[in-house]
Amino acid sequence: MPLSFGEWLRRNGGGSAYEYIKYLVLALREEKGSYTLHELWAEIRRQQERDKRLRHVNKRMVARAIHELKRAGRIRVRRVYWLE
């Protein structure tokens, strides 16, 4: 189970919501192996309900984080919506 935003902030000594989204993408990949964009967005929504500091996170920010991780070779994206 990925860390909550508050726990992630404590462990890292601070950070941004954007950095947390990148962590979440990688943590879900470690946990599940591969998953859909829909599953990622559902997890982000759950985290937003728990912590209001994530309320400004939107799909554009998530897409940017995925693109950055993909270009760095940290994840693969298949069929537009399937992440591994």
N, C-alpha and C. Protein backbone atom coordinates (compact mmCIF):
# COMPACT_ATOMS: atom_id res chain seq x y z
N MET A 1 0.85 -1.18 0.00
CA MET A 1 0.00 0.00 0.00
C MET A 1 0.89 1.24 0.00
N PRO A 2 0.69 2.15 -0.94
CA PRO A 2 1.50 3.36 -0.98
C PRO A 2 1.31 4.22 0.27
N LEU A 3 2.32 4.99 0.60
CA LEU A 3 2.23 5.89 1.74
C LEU A 3 1.20 6.99 1.47
N SER A 4 0.58 7.47 2.53
CA SER A 4 -0.31 8.63 2.39
C SER A 4 0.56 9.87 2.15
N PHE A 5 -0.07 10.95 1.70
CA PHE A 5 0.69 12.17 1.41
C PHE A 5 1.39 12.68 2.66
N GLY A 6 0.68 12.70 3.79
CA GLY A 6 1.28 13.19 5.04
C GLY A 6 2.47 12.35 5.47
N GLU A 7 2.33 11.03 5.40
CA GLU A 7 3.43 10.13 5.77
C GLU A 7 4.60 10.29 4.81
N TRP A 8 4.31 10.42 3.52
CA TRP A 8 5.35 10.62 2.52
C TRP A 8 6.11 11.92 2.79
N LEU A 9 5.38 13.00 3.15
CA LEU A 9 6.03 14.27 3.48
C LEU A 9 6.95 14.12 4.68
N ARG A 10 6.49 13.42 5.71
CA ARG A 10 7.32 13.22 6.91
C ARG A 10 8.59 12.45 6.58
N ARG A 11 8.46 11.40 5.80
CA ARG A 11 9.64 10.58 5.47
C ARG A 11 10.64 11.30 4.59
N ASN A 12 10.15 12.18 3.72
CA ASN A 12 11.03 12.90 2.79
C ASN A 12 11.44 14.27 3.29
N GLY A 13 10.91 14.69 4.40
CA GLY A 13 11.24 16.01 4.91
C GLY A 13 10.66 17.13 4.06
N GLY A 14 9.55 16.87 3.41
CA GLY A 14 8.91 17.88 2.57
C GLY A 14 8.83 17.42 1.13
N GLY A 15 8.20 18.21 0.31
CA GLY A 15 8.05 17.88 -1.10
C GLY A 15 6.77 18.50 -1.64
N SER A 16 6.55 18.28 -2.92
CA SER A 16 5.37 18.86 -3.56
C SER A 16 4.36 17.76 -3.91
N ALA A 17 3.16 18.19 -4.22
CA ALA A 17 2.13 17.24 -4.64
C ALA A 17 2.55 16.55 -5.94
N TYR A 18 3.22 17.28 -6.81
CA TYR A 18 3.69 16.71 -8.08
C TYR A 18 4.69 15.58 -7.82
N GLU A 19 5.62 15.80 -6.91
CA GLU A 19 6.59 14.75 -6.57
C GLU A 19 5.89 13.56 -5.94
N TYR A 20 4.85 13.81 -5.15
CA TYR A 20 4.09 12.72 -4.54
C TYR A 20 3.37 11.90 -5.61
N ILE A 21 2.83 12.55 -6.63
CA ILE A 21 2.16 11.83 -7.71
C ILE A 21 3.15 10.91 -8.41
N LYS A 22 4.36 11.40 -8.66
CA LYS A 22 5.38 10.55 -9.28
C LYS A 22 5.70 9.36 -8.37
N TYR A 23 5.80 9.61 -7.06
CA TYR A 23 6.02 8.51 -6.12
C TYR A 23 4.88 7.50 -6.21
N LEU A 24 3.64 8.00 -6.26
CA LEU A 24 2.46 7.13 -6.29
C LEU A 24 2.45 6.26 -7.54
N VAL A 25 2.80 6.83 -8.68
CA VAL A 25 2.87 6.06 -9.93
C VAL A 25 3.86 4.91 -9.78
N LEU A 26 5.05 5.21 -9.24
CA LEU A 26 6.07 4.17 -9.08
C LEU A 26 5.70 3.17 -7.99
N ALA A 27 5.08 3.63 -6.91
CA ALA A 27 4.70 2.72 -5.82
C ALA A 27 3.63 1.74 -6.28
N LEU A 28 2.68 2.21 -7.06
CA LEU A 28 1.65 1.31 -7.57
C LEU A 28 2.24 0.30 -8.54
N ARG A 29 3.23 0.73 -9.32
CA ARG A 29 3.88 -0.21 -10.23
C ARG A 29 4.60 -1.31 -9.45
N GLU A 30 5.28 -0.91 -8.36
CA GLU A 30 5.96 -1.89 -7.51
C GLU A 30 4.96 -2.86 -6.89
N GLU A 31 3.82 -2.34 -6.47
CA GLU A 31 2.82 -3.15 -5.79
C GLU A 31 2.06 -4.08 -6.74
N LYS A 32 1.64 -3.54 -7.88
CA LYS A 32 0.76 -4.30 -8.77
C LYS A 32 1.46 -4.86 -10.00
N GLY A 33 2.60 -4.33 -10.36
CA GLY A 33 3.26 -4.73 -11.60
C GLY A 33 2.79 -3.88 -12.76
N SER A 34 1.51 -3.95 -13.09
CA SER A 34 0.95 -3.08 -14.11
C SER A 34 -0.49 -2.74 -13.70
N TYR A 35 -0.96 -1.63 -14.15
CA TYR A 35 -2.29 -1.15 -13.76
C TYR A 35 -2.76 -0.13 -14.77
N THR A 36 -4.05 0.16 -14.72
CA THR A 36 -4.61 1.10 -15.69
C THR A 36 -4.59 2.52 -15.13
N LEU A 37 -4.74 3.45 -16.04
CA LEU A 37 -4.82 4.85 -15.66
C LEU A 37 -6.04 5.09 -14.76
N HIS A 38 -7.11 4.35 -15.01
CA HIS A 38 -8.32 4.45 -14.19
C HIS A 38 -8.02 4.06 -12.73
N GLU A 39 -7.23 3.00 -12.53
CA GLU A 39 -6.87 2.58 -11.17
C GLU A 39 -6.00 3.63 -10.49
N LEU A 40 -5.08 4.23 -11.25
CA LEU A 40 -4.24 5.29 -10.70
C LEU A 40 -5.10 6.47 -10.26
N TRP A 41 -6.03 6.88 -11.11
CA TRP A 41 -6.87 8.03 -10.78
C TRP A 41 -7.75 7.73 -9.56
N ALA A 42 -8.22 6.49 -9.43
CA ALA A 42 -9.02 6.10 -8.26
C ALA A 42 -8.19 6.21 -6.98
N GLU A 43 -6.93 5.81 -7.05
CA GLU A 43 -6.04 5.92 -5.88
C GLU A 43 -5.78 7.39 -5.54
N ILE A 44 -5.60 8.22 -6.55
CA ILE A 44 -5.39 9.66 -6.31
C ILE A 44 -6.63 10.26 -5.65
N ARG A 45 -7.81 9.88 -6.12
CA ARG A 45 -9.05 10.37 -5.50
C ARG A 45 -9.15 9.96 -4.04
N ARG A 46 -8.77 8.71 -3.73
CA ARG A 46 -8.78 8.25 -2.33
C ARG A 46 -7.84 9.10 -1.49
N GLN A 47 -6.66 9.40 -2.03
CA GLN A 47 -5.69 10.21 -1.30
C GLN A 47 -6.21 11.64 -1.13
N GLN A 48 -6.91 12.17 -2.14
CA GLN A 48 -7.47 13.52 -2.04
C GLN A 48 -8.54 13.59 -0.95
N GLU A 49 -9.29 12.53 -0.77
CA GLU A 49 -10.30 12.51 0.29
C GLU A 49 -9.64 12.52 1.67
N ARG A 50 -8.49 11.87 1.78
CA ARG A 50 -7.79 11.80 3.06
C ARG A 50 -7.03 13.08 3.38
N ASP A 51 -6.51 13.76 2.36
CA ASP A 51 -5.65 14.93 2.59
C ASP A 51 -6.02 16.05 1.62
N LYS A 52 -6.54 17.12 2.15
CA LYS A 52 -7.01 18.23 1.32
C LYS A 52 -5.87 19.01 0.66
N ARG A 53 -4.64 18.76 1.06
CA ARG A 53 -3.51 19.43 0.40
C ARG A 53 -3.32 18.94 -1.03
N LEU A 54 -3.98 17.86 -1.39
CA LEU A 54 -3.89 17.32 -2.75
C LEU A 54 -5.07 17.75 -3.62
N ARG A 55 -5.92 18.64 -3.13
CA ARG A 55 -7.15 18.98 -3.86
C ARG A 55 -6.88 19.62 -5.22
N HIS A 56 -5.72 20.25 -5.41
CA HIS A 56 -5.43 20.90 -6.68
C HIS A 56 -4.86 19.95 -7.73
N VAL A 57 -4.62 18.70 -7.37
CA VAL A 57 -4.08 17.73 -8.33
C VAL A 57 -5.15 17.42 -9.37
N ASN A 58 -4.79 17.55 -10.64
CA ASN A 58 -5.74 17.28 -11.71
C ASN A 58 -5.12 16.31 -12.72
N LYS A 59 -5.89 15.94 -13.72
CA LYS A 59 -5.42 14.95 -14.68
C LYS A 59 -4.25 15.46 -15.51
N ARG A 60 -4.18 16.75 -15.72
CA ARG A 60 -3.06 17.30 -16.47
C ARG A 60 -1.75 17.12 -15.70
N MET A 61 -1.78 17.35 -14.39
CA MET A 61 -0.59 17.16 -13.55
C MET A 61 -0.17 15.68 -13.56
N VAL A 62 -1.15 14.80 -13.48
CA VAL A 62 -0.87 13.36 -13.50
C VAL A 62 -0.26 12.96 -14.84
N ALA A 63 -0.81 13.48 -15.93
CA ALA A 63 -0.28 13.17 -17.26
C ALA A 63 1.16 13.66 -17.40
N ARG A 64 1.45 14.83 -16.87
CA ARG A 64 2.81 15.37 -16.93
C ARG A 64 3.78 14.50 -16.15
N ALA A 65 3.35 14.03 -14.97
CA ALA A 65 4.21 13.16 -14.15
C ALA A 65 4.47 11.84 -14.87
N ILE A 66 3.42 11.26 -15.47
CA ILE A 66 3.58 10.00 -16.21
C ILE A 66 4.54 10.20 -17.38
N HIS A 67 4.37 11.29 -18.10
CA HIS A 67 5.23 11.57 -19.25
C HIS A 67 6.69 11.71 -18.82
N GLU A 68 6.92 12.41 -17.72
CA GLU A 68 8.28 12.60 -17.23
C GLU A 68 8.91 11.26 -16.84
N LEU A 69 8.16 10.42 -16.14
CA LEU A 69 8.67 9.10 -15.74
C LEU A 69 8.91 8.21 -16.96
N LYS A 70 8.05 8.33 -17.96
CA LYS A 70 8.21 7.54 -19.18
C LYS A 70 9.47 7.96 -19.93
N ARG A 71 9.71 9.25 -20.04
CA ARG A 71 10.90 9.73 -20.75
C ARG A 71 12.18 9.36 -20.02
N ALA A 72 12.10 9.26 -18.69
CA ALA A 72 13.28 8.88 -17.89
C ALA A 72 13.49 7.36 -17.90
N GLY A 73 12.56 6.62 -18.50
CA GLY A 73 12.69 5.17 -18.57
C GLY A 73 12.29 4.45 -17.30
N ARG A 74 11.59 5.11 -16.41
CA ARG A 74 11.18 4.50 -15.13
C ARG A 74 9.92 3.66 -15.27
N ILE A 75 9.06 3.98 -16.25
CA ILE A 75 7.83 3.21 -16.48
C ILE A 75 7.65 3.02 -17.99
N ARG A 76 6.80 2.08 -18.34
CA ARG A 76 6.37 1.89 -19.72
C ARG A 76 4.88 2.16 -19.80
N VAL A 77 4.44 2.68 -20.92
CA VAL A 77 3.01 2.93 -21.12
C VAL A 77 2.58 2.16 -22.37
N ARG A 78 1.62 1.28 -22.18
CA ARG A 78 1.08 0.49 -23.29
C ARG A 78 -0.34 0.92 -23.58
N ARG A 79 -0.69 0.96 -24.82
CA ARG A 79 -2.06 1.27 -25.24
C ARG A 79 -2.63 2.51 -24.57
N VAL A 80 -1.84 3.50 -24.41
CA VAL A 80 -2.20 4.82 -23.91
C VAL A 80 -2.60 4.83 -22.43
N TYR A 81 -3.32 3.83 -21.97
CA TYR A 81 -3.87 3.90 -20.62
C TYR A 81 -3.33 2.83 -19.68
N TRP A 82 -2.46 1.94 -20.15
CA TRP A 82 -1.98 0.83 -19.31
C TRP A 82 -0.54 1.12 -18.90
N LEU A 83 -0.29 1.22 -17.60
CA LEU A 83 1.04 1.59 -17.10
C LEU A 83 1.74 0.37 -16.52
N GLU A 84 3.04 0.26 -16.80
CA GLU A 84 3.83 -0.84 -16.20
C GLU A 84 5.24 -0.39 -15.94
